[in-house]
């Protein structure tokens, strides 16, 4: 029984044309190299599935941006924070808001970029 995110390999890749081009039956590594970006060969060798690592590959940019721009904004507005425990509490609140916003917006931006790239 196939899972909903799996596609048969023949729907995505013309194996006969690949075999004719190579002059022999393609190896799994040659099939993986011929697959479109964003798809990987499933363990059974008969299906392809979306590459979930694609989002991980680009997430370092989002995390780095959050740290750099969040740190810069905290440094710029440090004089507006109250002193003492109130300032620490407000700083922790701002960091929490930044983390939540990054956790929600980051994956949405990554999905939008990847879907745009797959359409073109």
PDB file of N, CA and C in Angstrom:
ATOM      1  N   UNK A   1       0.847  -1.188   0.000  1.00  0.00           N
ATOM      2  CA  UNK A   1       0.000   0.000   0.000  1.00  0.00           C
ATOM      3  C   UNK A   1       0.883   1.239   0.000  1.00  0.00           C
ATOM      4  N   UNK A   2       0.649   2.155  -0.922  1.00  0.00           N
ATOM      5  CA  UNK A   2       1.472   3.345  -1.001  1.00  0.00           C
ATOM      6  C   UNK A   2       0.926   4.440  -0.103  1.00  0.00           C
ATOM      7  N   UNK A   3       1.823   5.258   0.387  1.00  0.00           N
ATOM      8  CA  UNK A   3       1.436   6.376   1.225  1.00  0.00           C
ATOM      9  C   UNK A   3       1.055   7.549   0.320  1.00  0.00           C
ATOM     10  N   UNK A   4       0.238   8.498   0.801  1.00  0.00           N
ATOM     11  CA  UNK A   4      -0.248   9.570  -0.067  1.00  0.00           C
ATOM     12  C   UNK A   4       0.853  10.479  -0.610  1.00  0.00           C
ATOM     13  N   UNK A   5       1.962  10.620   0.058  1.00  0.00           N
ATOM     14  CA  UNK A   5       3.004  11.517  -0.416  1.00  0.00           C
ATOM     15  C   UNK A   5       3.975  10.835  -1.379  1.00  0.00           C
ATOM     16  N   UNK A   6       3.788   9.549  -1.649  1.00  0.00           N
ATOM     17  CA  UNK A   6       4.639   8.820  -2.580  1.00  0.00           C
ATOM     18  C   UNK A   6       4.044   8.860  -3.986  1.00  0.00           C
ATOM     19  N   UNK A   7       4.919   8.975  -4.984  1.00  0.00           N
ATOM     20  CA  UNK A   7       4.520   8.922  -6.377  1.00  0.00           C
ATOM     21  C   UNK A   7       5.305   7.808  -7.045  1.00  0.00           C
ATOM     22  N   UNK A   8       4.701   7.088  -7.982  1.00  0.00           N
ATOM     23  CA  UNK A   8       5.483   6.097  -8.719  1.00  0.00           C
ATOM     24  C   UNK A   8       6.608   6.780  -9.495  1.00  0.00           C
ATOM     25  N   UNK A   9       7.734   6.146  -9.557  1.00  0.00           N
ATOM     26  CA  UNK A   9       8.919   6.698 -10.219  1.00  0.00           C
ATOM     27  C   UNK A   9       8.647   6.975 -11.692  1.00  0.00           C
ATOM     28  N   UNK A  10       7.852   6.123 -12.340  1.00  0.00           N
ATOM     29  CA  UNK A  10       7.590   6.270 -13.768  1.00  0.00           C
ATOM     30  C   UNK A  10       6.794   7.530 -14.095  1.00  0.00           C
ATOM     31  N   UNK A  11       6.022   8.049 -13.126  1.00  0.00           N
ATOM     32  CA  UNK A  11       5.263   9.281 -13.362  1.00  0.00           C
ATOM     33  C   UNK A  11       6.165  10.507 -13.399  1.00  0.00           C
ATOM     34  N   UNK A  12       7.299  10.415 -12.753  1.00  0.00           N
ATOM     35  CA  UNK A  12       8.177  11.578 -12.623  1.00  0.00           C
ATOM     36  C   UNK A  12       9.342  11.524 -13.608  1.00  0.00           C
ATOM     37  N   UNK A  13       9.815  10.334 -13.897  1.00  0.00           N
ATOM     38  CA  UNK A  13      11.038  10.172 -14.678  1.00  0.00           C
ATOM     39  C   UNK A  13      10.808   9.143 -15.785  1.00  0.00           C
ATOM     40  N   UNK A  14      11.259   9.443 -16.985  1.00  0.00           N
ATOM     41  CA  UNK A  14      11.153   8.511 -18.102  1.00  0.00           C
ATOM     42  C   UNK A  14      12.360   7.567 -18.046  1.00  0.00           C
ATOM     43  N   UNK A  15      12.134   6.410 -17.445  1.00  0.00           N
ATOM     44  CA  UNK A  15      13.231   5.457 -17.264  1.00  0.00           C
ATOM     45  C   UNK A  15      13.733   4.890 -18.581  1.00  0.00           C
ATOM     46  N   UNK A  16      12.838   4.707 -19.561  1.00  0.00           N
ATOM     47  CA  UNK A  16      13.255   4.167 -20.859  1.00  0.00           C
ATOM     48  C   UNK A  16      14.210   5.131 -21.559  1.00  0.00           C
ATOM     49  N   UNK A  17      13.896   6.421 -21.508  1.00  0.00           N
ATOM     50  CA  UNK A  17      14.778   7.409 -22.137  1.00  0.00           C
ATOM     51  C   UNK A  17      16.111   7.483 -21.404  1.00  0.00           C
ATOM     52  N   UNK A  18      16.075   7.380 -20.087  1.00  0.00           N
ATOM     53  CA  UNK A  18      17.314   7.404 -19.309  1.00  0.00           C
ATOM     54  C   UNK A  18      18.161   6.175 -19.615  1.00  0.00           C
ATOM     55  N   UNK A  19      17.511   5.028 -19.745  1.00  0.00           N
ATOM     56  CA  UNK A  19      18.237   3.794 -20.069  1.00  0.00           C
ATOM     57  C   UNK A  19      18.840   3.876 -21.468  1.00  0.00           C
ATOM     58  N   UNK A  20      18.106   4.440 -22.404  1.00  0.00           N
ATOM     59  CA  UNK A  20      18.619   4.590 -23.769  1.00  0.00           C
ATOM     60  C   UNK A  20      19.805   5.557 -23.797  1.00  0.00           C
ATOM     61  N   UNK A  21      19.712   6.625 -23.000  1.00  0.00           N
ATOM     62  CA  UNK A  21      20.802   7.604 -22.941  1.00  0.00           C
ATOM     63  C   UNK A  21      22.068   6.997 -22.355  1.00  0.00           C
ATOM     64  N   UNK A  22      21.908   6.175 -21.325  1.00  0.00           N
ATOM     65  CA  UNK A  22      23.061   5.572 -20.662  1.00  0.00           C
ATOM     66  C   UNK A  22      23.563   4.321 -21.379  1.00  0.00           C
ATOM     67  N   UNK A  23      22.691   3.673 -22.139  1.00  0.00           N
ATOM     68  CA  UNK A  23      23.078   2.444 -22.811  1.00  0.00           C
ATOM     69  C   UNK A  23      22.951   1.209 -21.939  1.00  0.00           C
ATOM     70  N   UNK A  24      22.467   1.361 -20.762  1.00  0.00           N
ATOM     71  CA  UNK A  24      22.266   0.246 -19.834  1.00  0.00           C
ATOM     72  C   UNK A  24      21.240   0.680 -18.796  1.00  0.00           C
ATOM     73  N   UNK A  25      20.816  -0.264 -17.956  1.00  0.00           N
ATOM     74  CA  UNK A  25      19.846   0.051 -16.908  1.00  0.00           C
ATOM     75  C   UNK A  25      20.489   1.012 -15.902  1.00  0.00           C
ATOM     76  N   UNK A  26      19.829   2.130 -15.569  1.00  0.00           N
ATOM     77  CA  UNK A  26      20.436   3.106 -14.652  1.00  0.00           C
ATOM     78  C   UNK A  26      20.541   2.572 -13.225  1.00  0.00           C
ATOM     79  N   UNK A  27      21.615   2.946 -12.570  1.00  0.00           N
ATOM     80  CA  UNK A  27      21.800   2.581 -11.168  1.00  0.00           C
ATOM     81  C   UNK A  27      20.964   3.518 -10.301  1.00  0.00           C
ATOM     82  N   UNK A  28      20.729   3.151  -9.031  1.00  0.00           N
ATOM     83  CA  UNK A  28      19.967   4.051  -8.151  1.00  0.00           C
ATOM     84  C   UNK A  28      20.593   5.444  -8.028  1.00  0.00           C
ATOM     85  N   UNK A  29      21.915   5.535  -8.030  1.00  0.00           N
ATOM     86  CA  UNK A  29      22.541   6.861  -7.929  1.00  0.00           C
ATOM     87  C   UNK A  29      22.300   7.682  -9.192  1.00  0.00           C
ATOM     88  N   UNK A  30      22.264   7.043 -10.356  1.00  0.00           N
ATOM     89  CA  UNK A  30      21.969   7.771 -11.590  1.00  0.00           C
ATOM     90  C   UNK A  30      20.505   8.197 -11.637  1.00  0.00           C
ATOM     91  N   UNK A  31      19.632   7.363 -11.093  1.00  0.00           N
ATOM     92  CA  UNK A  31      18.215   7.739 -11.017  1.00  0.00           C
ATOM     93  C   UNK A  31      18.044   8.932 -10.088  1.00  0.00           C
ATOM     94  N   UNK A  32      18.733   8.901  -8.935  1.00  0.00           N
ATOM     95  CA  UNK A  32      18.649  10.035  -7.991  1.00  0.00           C
ATOM     96  C   UNK A  32      19.165  11.313  -8.635  1.00  0.00           C
ATOM     97  N   UNK A  33      20.233  11.203  -9.429  1.00  0.00           N
ATOM     98  CA  UNK A  33      20.794  12.394 -10.078  1.00  0.00           C
ATOM     99  C   UNK A  33      19.840  12.946 -11.140  1.00  0.00           C
ATOM    100  N   UNK A  34      19.042  12.080 -11.761  1.00  0.00           N
ATOM    101  CA  UNK A  34      18.136  12.517 -12.819  1.00  0.00           C
ATOM    102  C   UNK A  34      16.809  13.046 -12.291  1.00  0.00           C
ATOM    103  N   UNK A  35      16.523  12.821 -11.029  1.00  0.00           N
ATOM    104  CA  UNK A  35      15.256  13.284 -10.459  1.00  0.00           C
ATOM    105  C   UNK A  35      15.208  14.799 -10.388  1.00  0.00           C
ATOM    106  N   UNK A  36      14.020  15.383 -10.537  1.00  0.00           N
ATOM    107  CA  UNK A  36      13.886  16.834 -10.378  1.00  0.00           C
ATOM    108  C   UNK A  36      14.208  17.256  -8.945  1.00  0.00           C
ATOM    109  N   UNK A  37      14.637  18.480  -8.817  1.00  0.00           N
ATOM    110  CA  UNK A  37      14.952  19.011  -7.496  1.00  0.00           C
ATOM    111  C   UNK A  37      13.712  18.984  -6.609  1.00  0.00           C
ATOM    112  N   UNK A  38      13.908  18.580  -5.380  1.00  0.00           N
ATOM    113  CA  UNK A  38      12.809  18.527  -4.434  1.00  0.00           C
ATOM    114  C   UNK A  38      12.234  17.138  -4.260  1.00  0.00           C
ATOM    115  N   UNK A  39      12.695  16.175  -5.071  1.00  0.00           N
ATOM    116  CA  UNK A  39      12.220  14.801  -4.951  1.00  0.00           C
ATOM    117  C   UNK A  39      13.401  13.875  -4.694  1.00  0.00           C
ATOM    118  N   UNK A  40      13.176  12.856  -3.877  1.00  0.00           N
ATOM    119  CA  UNK A  40      14.208  11.850  -3.603  1.00  0.00           C
ATOM    120  C   UNK A  40      13.616  10.471  -3.827  1.00  0.00           C
ATOM    121  N   UNK A  41      14.481   9.537  -4.106  1.00  0.00           N
ATOM    122  CA  UNK A  41      14.073   8.159  -4.309  1.00  0.00           C
ATOM    123  C   UNK A  41      13.719   7.540  -2.967  1.00  0.00           C
ATOM    124  N   UNK A  42      12.559   6.889  -2.911  1.00  0.00           N
ATOM    125  CA  UNK A  42      12.118   6.221  -1.682  1.00  0.00           C
ATOM    126  C   UNK A  42      12.956   4.961  -1.474  1.00  0.00           C
ATOM    127  N   UNK A  43      12.913   4.413  -0.263  1.00  0.00           N
ATOM    128  CA  UNK A  43      13.722   3.250   0.080  1.00  0.00           C
ATOM    129  C   UNK A  43      13.431   2.044  -0.806  1.00  0.00           C
ATOM    130  N   UNK A  44      12.183   1.928  -1.301  1.00  0.00           N
ATOM    131  CA  UNK A  44      11.851   0.766  -2.125  1.00  0.00           C
ATOM    132  C   UNK A  44      12.407   0.864  -3.545  1.00  0.00           C
ATOM    133  N   UNK A  45      12.852   2.035  -3.966  1.00  0.00           N
ATOM    134  CA  UNK A  45      13.417   2.220  -5.297  1.00  0.00           C
ATOM    135  C   UNK A  45      12.382   2.326  -6.402  1.00  0.00           C
ATOM    136  N   UNK A  46      11.100   2.235  -6.063  1.00  0.00           N
ATOM    137  CA  UNK A  46      10.027   2.282  -7.060  1.00  0.00           C
ATOM    138  C   UNK A  46       9.198   3.556  -6.981  1.00  0.00           C
ATOM    139  N   UNK A  47       9.390   4.311  -5.910  1.00  0.00           N
ATOM    140  CA  UNK A  47       8.604   5.521  -5.684  1.00  0.00           C
ATOM    141  C   UNK A  47       9.537   6.692  -5.376  1.00  0.00           C
ATOM    142  N   UNK A  48       8.999   7.886  -5.544  1.00  0.00           N
ATOM    143  CA  UNK A  48       9.701   9.102  -5.137  1.00  0.00           C
ATOM    144  C   UNK A  48       8.847   9.808  -4.104  1.00  0.00           C
ATOM    145  N   UNK A  49       9.497  10.596  -3.279  1.00  0.00           N
ATOM    146  CA  UNK A  49       8.800  11.358  -2.250  1.00  0.00           C
ATOM    147  C   UNK A  49       9.430  12.742  -2.169  1.00  0.00           C
ATOM    148  N   UNK A  50       8.718  13.716  -1.586  1.00  0.00           N
ATOM    149  CA  UNK A  50       9.292  15.053  -1.424  1.00  0.00           C
ATOM    150  C   UNK A  50      10.515  15.017  -0.504  1.00  0.00           C
ATOM    151  N   UNK A  51      11.498  15.825  -0.835  1.00  0.00           N
ATOM    152  CA  UNK A  51      12.711  15.914  -0.018  1.00  0.00           C
ATOM    153  C   UNK A  51      12.457  16.871   1.122  1.00  0.00           C
ATOM    154  N   UNK A  52      12.325  16.348   2.313  1.00  0.00           N
ATOM    155  CA  UNK A  52      12.047  17.177   3.485  1.00  0.00           C
ATOM    156  C   UNK A  52      13.291  17.935   3.949  1.00  0.00           C
ATOM    157  N   UNK A  53      14.453  17.528   3.479  1.00  0.00           N
ATOM    158  CA  UNK A  53      15.683  18.219   3.872  1.00  0.00           C
ATOM    159  C   UNK A  53      15.808  19.578   3.212  1.00  0.00           C
ATOM    160  N   UNK A  54      15.036  19.828   2.168  1.00  0.00           N
ATOM    161  CA  UNK A  54      15.125  21.085   1.449  1.00  0.00           C
ATOM    162  C   UNK A  54      14.865  22.269   2.364  1.00  0.00           C
ATOM    163  N   UNK A  55      13.843  22.155   3.219  1.00  0.00           N
ATOM    164  CA  UNK A  55      13.550  23.223   4.163  1.00  0.00           C
ATOM    165  C   UNK A  55      14.644  23.407   5.186  1.00  0.00           C
ATOM    166  N   UNK A  56      15.262  22.325   5.600  1.00  0.00           N
ATOM    167  CA  UNK A  56      16.340  22.400   6.583  1.00  0.00           C
ATOM    168  C   UNK A  56      17.557  23.080   5.977  1.00  0.00           C
ATOM    169  N   UNK A  57      17.778  22.837   4.693  1.00  0.00           N
ATOM    170  CA  UNK A  57      18.942  23.412   4.037  1.00  0.00           C
ATOM    171  C   UNK A  57      18.912  24.939   4.045  1.00  0.00           C
ATOM    172  N   UNK A  58      17.727  25.521   3.969  1.00  0.00           N
ATOM    173  CA  UNK A  58      17.602  26.975   3.893  1.00  0.00           C
ATOM    174  C   UNK A  58      17.240  27.621   5.221  1.00  0.00           C
ATOM    175  N   UNK A  59      16.956  26.838   6.240  1.00  0.00           N
ATOM    176  CA  UNK A  59      16.513  27.423   7.503  1.00  0.00           C
ATOM    177  C   UNK A  59      17.628  28.143   8.238  1.00  0.00           C
ATOM    178  N   UNK A  60      18.886  27.828   7.973  1.00  0.00           N
ATOM    179  CA  UNK A  60      19.977  28.510   8.657  1.00  0.00           C
ATOM    180  C   UNK A  60      19.961  29.998   8.328  1.00  0.00           C
ATOM    181  N   UNK A  61      19.503  30.362   7.130  1.00  0.00           N
ATOM    182  CA  UNK A  61      19.424  31.778   6.756  1.00  0.00           C
ATOM    183  C   UNK A  61      18.412  32.490   7.640  1.00  0.00           C
ATOM    184  N   UNK A  62      17.272  31.855   7.856  1.00  0.00           N
ATOM    185  CA  UNK A  62      16.236  32.468   8.686  1.00  0.00           C
ATOM    186  C   UNK A  62      16.683  32.592  10.134  1.00  0.00           C
ATOM    187  N   UNK A  63      17.298  31.552  10.655  1.00  0.00           N
ATOM    188  CA  UNK A  63      17.758  31.583  12.049  1.00  0.00           C
ATOM    189  C   UNK A  63      18.835  32.646  12.233  1.00  0.00           C
ATOM    190  N   UNK A  64      19.786  32.701  11.308  1.00  0.00           N
ATOM    191  CA  UNK A  64      20.842  33.710  11.392  1.00  0.00           C
ATOM    192  C   UNK A  64      20.262  35.117  11.306  1.00  0.00           C
ATOM    193  N   UNK A  65      19.295  35.313  10.413  1.00  0.00           N
ATOM    194  CA  UNK A  65      18.665  36.635  10.283  1.00  0.00           C
ATOM    195  C   UNK A  65      17.934  37.027  11.560  1.00  0.00           C
ATOM    196  N   UNK A  66      17.217  36.078  12.163  1.00  0.00           N
ATOM    197  CA  UNK A  66      16.526  36.375  13.410  1.00  0.00           C
ATOM    198  C   UNK A  66      17.505  36.778  14.503  1.00  0.00           C
ATOM    199  N   UNK A  67      18.606  36.068  14.612  1.00  0.00           N
ATOM    200  CA  UNK A  67      19.587  36.379  15.659  1.00  0.00           C
ATOM    201  C   UNK A  67      20.241  37.732  15.401  1.00  0.00           C
ATOM    202  N   UNK A  68      20.667  37.974  14.153  1.00  0.00           N
ATOM    203  CA  UNK A  68      21.370  39.225  13.840  1.00  0.00           C
ATOM    204  C   UNK A  68      20.441  40.429  13.990  1.00  0.00           C
ATOM    205  N   UNK A  69      19.279  40.374  13.336  1.00  0.00           N
ATOM    206  CA  UNK A  69      18.392  41.534  13.381  1.00  0.00           C
ATOM    207  C   UNK A  69      17.722  41.684  14.741  1.00  0.00           C
ATOM    208  N   UNK A  70      17.441  40.581  15.410  1.00  0.00           N
ATOM    209  CA  UNK A  70      16.909  40.674  16.770  1.00  0.00           C
ATOM    210  C   UNK A  70      17.921  41.278  17.723  1.00  0.00           C
ATOM    211  N   UNK A  71      19.174  40.843  17.611  1.00  0.00           N
ATOM    212  CA  UNK A  71      20.237  41.412  18.456  1.00  0.00           C
ATOM    213  C   UNK A  71      20.469  42.885  18.161  1.00  0.00           C
ATOM    214  N   UNK A  72      20.436  43.244  16.869  1.00  0.00           N
ATOM    215  CA  UNK A  72      20.623  44.655  16.499  1.00  0.00           C
ATOM    216  C   UNK A  72      19.487  45.516  17.036  1.00  0.00           C
ATOM    217  N   UNK A  73      18.257  45.011  16.946  1.00  0.00           N
ATOM    218  CA  UNK A  73      17.139  45.813  17.447  1.00  0.00           C
ATOM    219  C   UNK A  73      17.183  45.936  18.967  1.00  0.00           C
ATOM    220  N   UNK A  74      17.578  44.868  19.648  1.00  0.00           N
ATOM    221  CA  UNK A  74      17.705  44.964  21.107  1.00  0.00           C
ATOM    222  C   UNK A  74      18.802  45.947  21.498  1.00  0.00           C
ATOM    223  N   UNK A  75      19.890  45.963  20.759  1.00  0.00           N
ATOM    224  CA  UNK A  75      20.973  46.902  21.063  1.00  0.00           C
ATOM    225  C   UNK A  75      20.521  48.340  20.801  1.00  0.00           C
ATOM    226  N   UNK A  76      19.780  48.559  19.719  1.00  0.00           N
ATOM    227  CA  UNK A  76      19.321  49.908  19.402  1.00  0.00           C
ATOM    228  C   UNK A  76      18.319  50.440  20.425  1.00  0.00           C
ATOM    229  N   UNK A  77      17.477  49.549  20.950  1.00  0.00           N
ATOM    230  CA  UNK A  77      16.424  49.984  21.856  1.00  0.00           C
ATOM    231  C   UNK A  77      16.704  49.655  23.322  1.00  0.00           C
ATOM    232  N   UNK A  78      17.960  49.371  23.656  1.00  0.00           N
ATOM    233  CA  UNK A  78      18.281  48.995  25.037  1.00  0.00           C
ATOM    234  C   UNK A  78      18.022  50.136  26.017  1.00  0.00           C
ATOM    235  N   UNK A  79      18.127  51.375  25.564  1.00  0.00           N
ATOM    236  CA  UNK A  79      17.894  52.508  26.456  1.00  0.00           C
ATOM    237  C   UNK A  79      16.413  52.706  26.761  1.00  0.00           C
ATOM    238  N   UNK A  80      15.537  52.117  25.948  1.00  0.00           N
ATOM    239  CA  UNK A  80      14.109  52.267  26.198  1.00  0.00           C
ATOM    240  C   UNK A  80      13.594  51.243  27.204  1.00  0.00           C
ATOM    241  N   UNK A  81      14.388  50.207  27.489  1.00  0.00           N
ATOM    242  CA  UNK A  81      13.969  49.195  28.452  1.00  0.00           C
ATOM    243  C   UNK A  81      14.160  49.714  29.875  1.00  0.00           C
ATOM    244  N   UNK A  82      13.226  49.425  30.764  1.00  0.00           N
ATOM    245  CA  UNK A  82      13.399  49.837  32.159  1.00  0.00           C
ATOM    246  C   UNK A  82      14.518  49.023  32.815  1.00  0.00           C
ATOM    247  N   UNK A  83      15.077  49.540  33.870  1.00  0.00           N
ATOM    248  CA  UNK A  83      16.146  48.848  34.577  1.00  0.00           C
ATOM    249  C   UNK A  83      15.604  47.792  35.528  1.00  0.00           C
ATOM    250  N   UNK A  84      16.489  46.944  36.000  1.00  0.00           N
ATOM    251  CA  UNK A  84      16.116  45.941  36.992  1.00  0.00           C
ATOM    252  C   UNK A  84      15.378  44.759  36.385  1.00  0.00           C
ATOM    253  N   UNK A  85      14.559  44.117  37.270  1.00  0.00           N
ATOM    254  CA  UNK A  85      13.844  42.919  36.845  1.00  0.00           C
ATOM    255  C   UNK A  85      12.772  43.215  35.805  1.00  0.00           C
ATOM    256  N   UNK A  86      12.224  44.410  35.831  1.00  0.00           N
ATOM    257  CA  UNK A  86      11.231  44.771  34.809  1.00  0.00           C
ATOM    258  C   UNK A  86      11.866  44.775  33.428  1.00  0.00           C
ATOM    259  N   UNK A  87      13.064  45.269  33.340  1.00  0.00           N
ATOM    260  CA  UNK A  87      13.784  45.284  32.059  1.00  0.00           C
ATOM    261  C   UNK A  87      14.119  43.882  31.584  1.00  0.00           C
ATOM    262  N   UNK A  88      14.544  43.026  32.531  1.00  0.00           N
ATOM    263  CA  UNK A  88      14.846  41.633  32.169  1.00  0.00           C
ATOM    264  C   UNK A  88      13.581  40.933  31.695  1.00  0.00           C
ATOM    265  N   UNK A  89      12.472  41.168  32.401  1.00  0.00           N
ATOM    266  CA  UNK A  89      11.198  40.559  32.004  1.00  0.00           C
ATOM    267  C   UNK A  89      10.746  41.026  30.633  1.00  0.00           C
ATOM    268  N   UNK A  90      10.879  42.311  30.376  1.00  0.00           N
ATOM    269  CA  UNK A  90      10.482  42.842  29.079  1.00  0.00           C
ATOM    270  C   UNK A  90      11.398  42.305  27.974  1.00  0.00           C
ATOM    271  N   UNK A  91      12.692  42.201  28.268  1.00  0.00           N
ATOM    272  CA  UNK A  91      13.643  41.659  27.297  1.00  0.00           C
ATOM    273  C   UNK A  91      13.299  40.201  26.967  1.00  0.00           C
ATOM    274  N   UNK A  92      13.003  39.411  28.008  1.00  0.00           N
ATOM    275  CA  UNK A  92      12.622  38.016  27.774  1.00  0.00           C
ATOM    276  C   UNK A  92      11.312  37.923  26.990  1.00  0.00           C
ATOM    277  N   UNK A  93      10.386  38.823  27.256  1.00  0.00           N
ATOM    278  CA  UNK A  93       9.129  38.858  26.497  1.00  0.00           C
ATOM    279  C   UNK A  93       9.369  39.165  25.026  1.00  0.00           C
ATOM    280  N   UNK A  94      10.261  40.125  24.764  1.00  0.00           N
ATOM    281  CA  UNK A  94      10.582  40.457  23.368  1.00  0.00           C
ATOM    282  C   UNK A  94      11.259  39.291  22.661  1.00  0.00           C
ATOM    283  N   UNK A  95      12.149  38.603  23.359  1.00  0.00           N
ATOM    284  CA  UNK A  95      12.816  37.434  22.774  1.00  0.00           C
ATOM    285  C   UNK A  95      11.796  36.332  22.497  1.00  0.00           C
ATOM    286  N   UNK A  96      10.832  36.145  23.397  1.00  0.00           N
ATOM    287  CA  UNK A  96       9.791  35.136  23.181  1.00  0.00           C
ATOM    288  C   UNK A  96       8.933  35.487  21.976  1.00  0.00           C
ATOM    289  N   UNK A  97       8.553  36.745  21.851  1.00  0.00           N
ATOM    290  CA  UNK A  97       7.756  37.181  20.706  1.00  0.00           C
ATOM    291  C   UNK A  97       8.534  36.988  19.407  1.00  0.00           C
ATOM    292  N   UNK A  98       9.811  37.330  19.426  1.00  0.00           N
ATOM    293  CA  UNK A  98      10.661  37.160  18.250  1.00  0.00           C
ATOM    294  C   UNK A  98      10.777  35.682  17.877  1.00  0.00           C
ATOM    295  N   UNK A  99      10.914  34.818  18.869  1.00  0.00           N
ATOM    296  CA  UNK A  99      11.029  33.379  18.618  1.00  0.00           C
ATOM    297  C   UNK A  99       9.730  32.818  18.047  1.00  0.00           C
ATOM    298  N   UNK A 100       8.605  33.223  18.612  1.00  0.00           N
ATOM    299  CA  UNK A 100       7.311  32.749  18.110  1.00  0.00           C
ATOM    300  C   UNK A 100       7.072  33.257  16.691  1.00  0.00           C
ATOM    301  N   UNK A 101       7.349  34.528  16.465  1.00  0.00           N
ATOM    302  CA  UNK A 101       7.159  35.081  15.118  1.00  0.00           C
ATOM    303  C   UNK A 101       8.061  34.377  14.116  1.00  0.00           C
ATOM    304  N   UNK A 102       9.294  34.123  14.483  1.00  0.00           N
ATOM    305  CA  UNK A 102      10.208  33.411  13.594  1.00  0.00           C
ATOM    306  C   UNK A 102       9.781  31.981  13.365  1.00  0.00           C
ATOM    307  N   UNK A 103       9.248  31.351  14.392  1.00  0.00           N
ATOM    308  CA  UNK A 103       8.780  29.977  14.252  1.00  0.00           C
ATOM    309  C   UNK A 103       7.550  29.857  13.370  1.00  0.00           C
ATOM    310  N   UNK A 104       6.747  30.907  13.310  1.00  0.00           N
ATOM    311  CA  UNK A 104       5.564  30.893  12.452  1.00  0.00           C
ATOM    312  C   UNK A 104       5.865  31.414  11.053  1.00  0.00           C
ATOM    313  N   UNK A 105       6.568  32.521  10.982  1.00  0.00           N
ATOM    314  CA  UNK A 105       6.828  33.156   9.697  1.00  0.00           C
ATOM    315  C   UNK A 105       7.919  32.423   8.915  1.00  0.00           C
ATOM    316  N   UNK A 106       8.943  31.937   9.593  1.00  0.00           N
ATOM    317  CA  UNK A 106      10.051  31.272   8.917  1.00  0.00           C
ATOM    318  C   UNK A 106       9.622  30.112   8.038  1.00  0.00           C
ATOM    319  N   UNK A 107       8.870  29.149   8.570  1.00  0.00           N
ATOM    320  CA  UNK A 107       8.421  28.045   7.713  1.00  0.00           C
ATOM    321  C   UNK A 107       7.493  28.489   6.588  1.00  0.00           C
ATOM    322  N   UNK A 108       6.672  29.514   6.836  1.00  0.00           N
ATOM    323  CA  UNK A 108       5.787  29.995   5.774  1.00  0.00           C
ATOM    324  C   UNK A 108       6.604  30.593   4.626  1.00  0.00           C
ATOM    325  N   UNK A 109       7.632  31.368   4.967  1.00  0.00           N
ATOM    326  CA  UNK A 109       8.485  31.959   3.934  1.00  0.00           C
ATOM    327  C   UNK A 109       9.230  30.858   3.177  1.00  0.00           C
ATOM    328  N   UNK A 110       9.742  29.867   3.894  1.00  0.00           N
ATOM    329  CA  UNK A 110      10.457  28.773   3.248  1.00  0.00           C
ATOM    330  C   UNK A 110       9.541  28.018   2.300  1.00  0.00           C
ATOM    331  N   UNK A 111       8.317  27.702   2.729  1.00  0.00           N
ATOM    332  CA  UNK A 111       7.371  27.002   1.859  1.00  0.00           C
ATOM    333  C   UNK A 111       7.045  27.832   0.623  1.00  0.00           C
ATOM    334  N   UNK A 112       6.862  29.137   0.807  1.00  0.00           N
ATOM    335  CA  UNK A 112       6.529  29.999  -0.333  1.00  0.00           C
ATOM    336  C   UNK A 112       7.676  30.038  -1.333  1.00  0.00           C
ATOM    337  N   UNK A 113       8.897  30.144  -0.846  1.00  0.00           N
ATOM    338  CA  UNK A 113      10.056  30.178  -1.741  1.00  0.00           C
ATOM    339  C   UNK A 113      10.193  28.860  -2.482  1.00  0.00           C
ATOM    340  N   UNK A 114      10.031  27.759  -1.774  1.00  0.00           N
ATOM    341  CA  UNK A 114      10.177  26.454  -2.407  1.00  0.00           C
ATOM    342  C   UNK A 114       9.057  26.162  -3.392  1.00  0.00           C
ATOM    343  N   UNK A 115       7.830  26.582  -3.097  1.00  0.00           N
ATOM    344  CA  UNK A 115       6.732  26.349  -4.035  1.00  0.00           C
ATOM    345  C   UNK A 115       6.897  27.222  -5.267  1.00  0.00           C
ATOM    346  N   UNK A 116       7.389  28.419  -5.099  1.00  0.00           N
ATOM    347  CA  UNK A 116       7.632  29.297  -6.233  1.00  0.00           C
ATOM    348  C   UNK A 116       8.728  28.711  -7.127  1.00  0.00           C
ATOM    349  N   UNK A 117       9.752  28.159  -6.507  1.00  0.00           N
ATOM    350  CA  UNK A 117      10.869  27.574  -7.242  1.00  0.00           C
ATOM    351  C   UNK A 117      10.417  26.324  -7.998  1.00  0.00           C
ATOM    352  N   UNK A 118       9.517  25.523  -7.404  1.00  0.00           N
ATOM    353  CA  UNK A 118       9.070  24.310  -8.071  1.00  0.00           C
ATOM    354  C   UNK A 118       8.107  24.610  -9.220  1.00  0.00           C
ATOM    355  N   UNK A 119       7.399  25.743  -9.173  1.00  0.00           N
ATOM    356  CA  UNK A 119       6.503  26.110 -10.261  1.00  0.00           C
ATOM    357  C   UNK A 119       7.252  26.600 -11.488  1.00  0.00           C
ATOM    358  N   UNK A 120       8.414  27.195 -11.278  1.00  0.00           N
ATOM    359  CA  UNK A 120       9.150  27.754 -12.422  1.00  0.00           C
ATOM    360  C   UNK A 120      10.086  26.755 -13.033  1.00  0.00           C
TER     361      UNK A 120
END
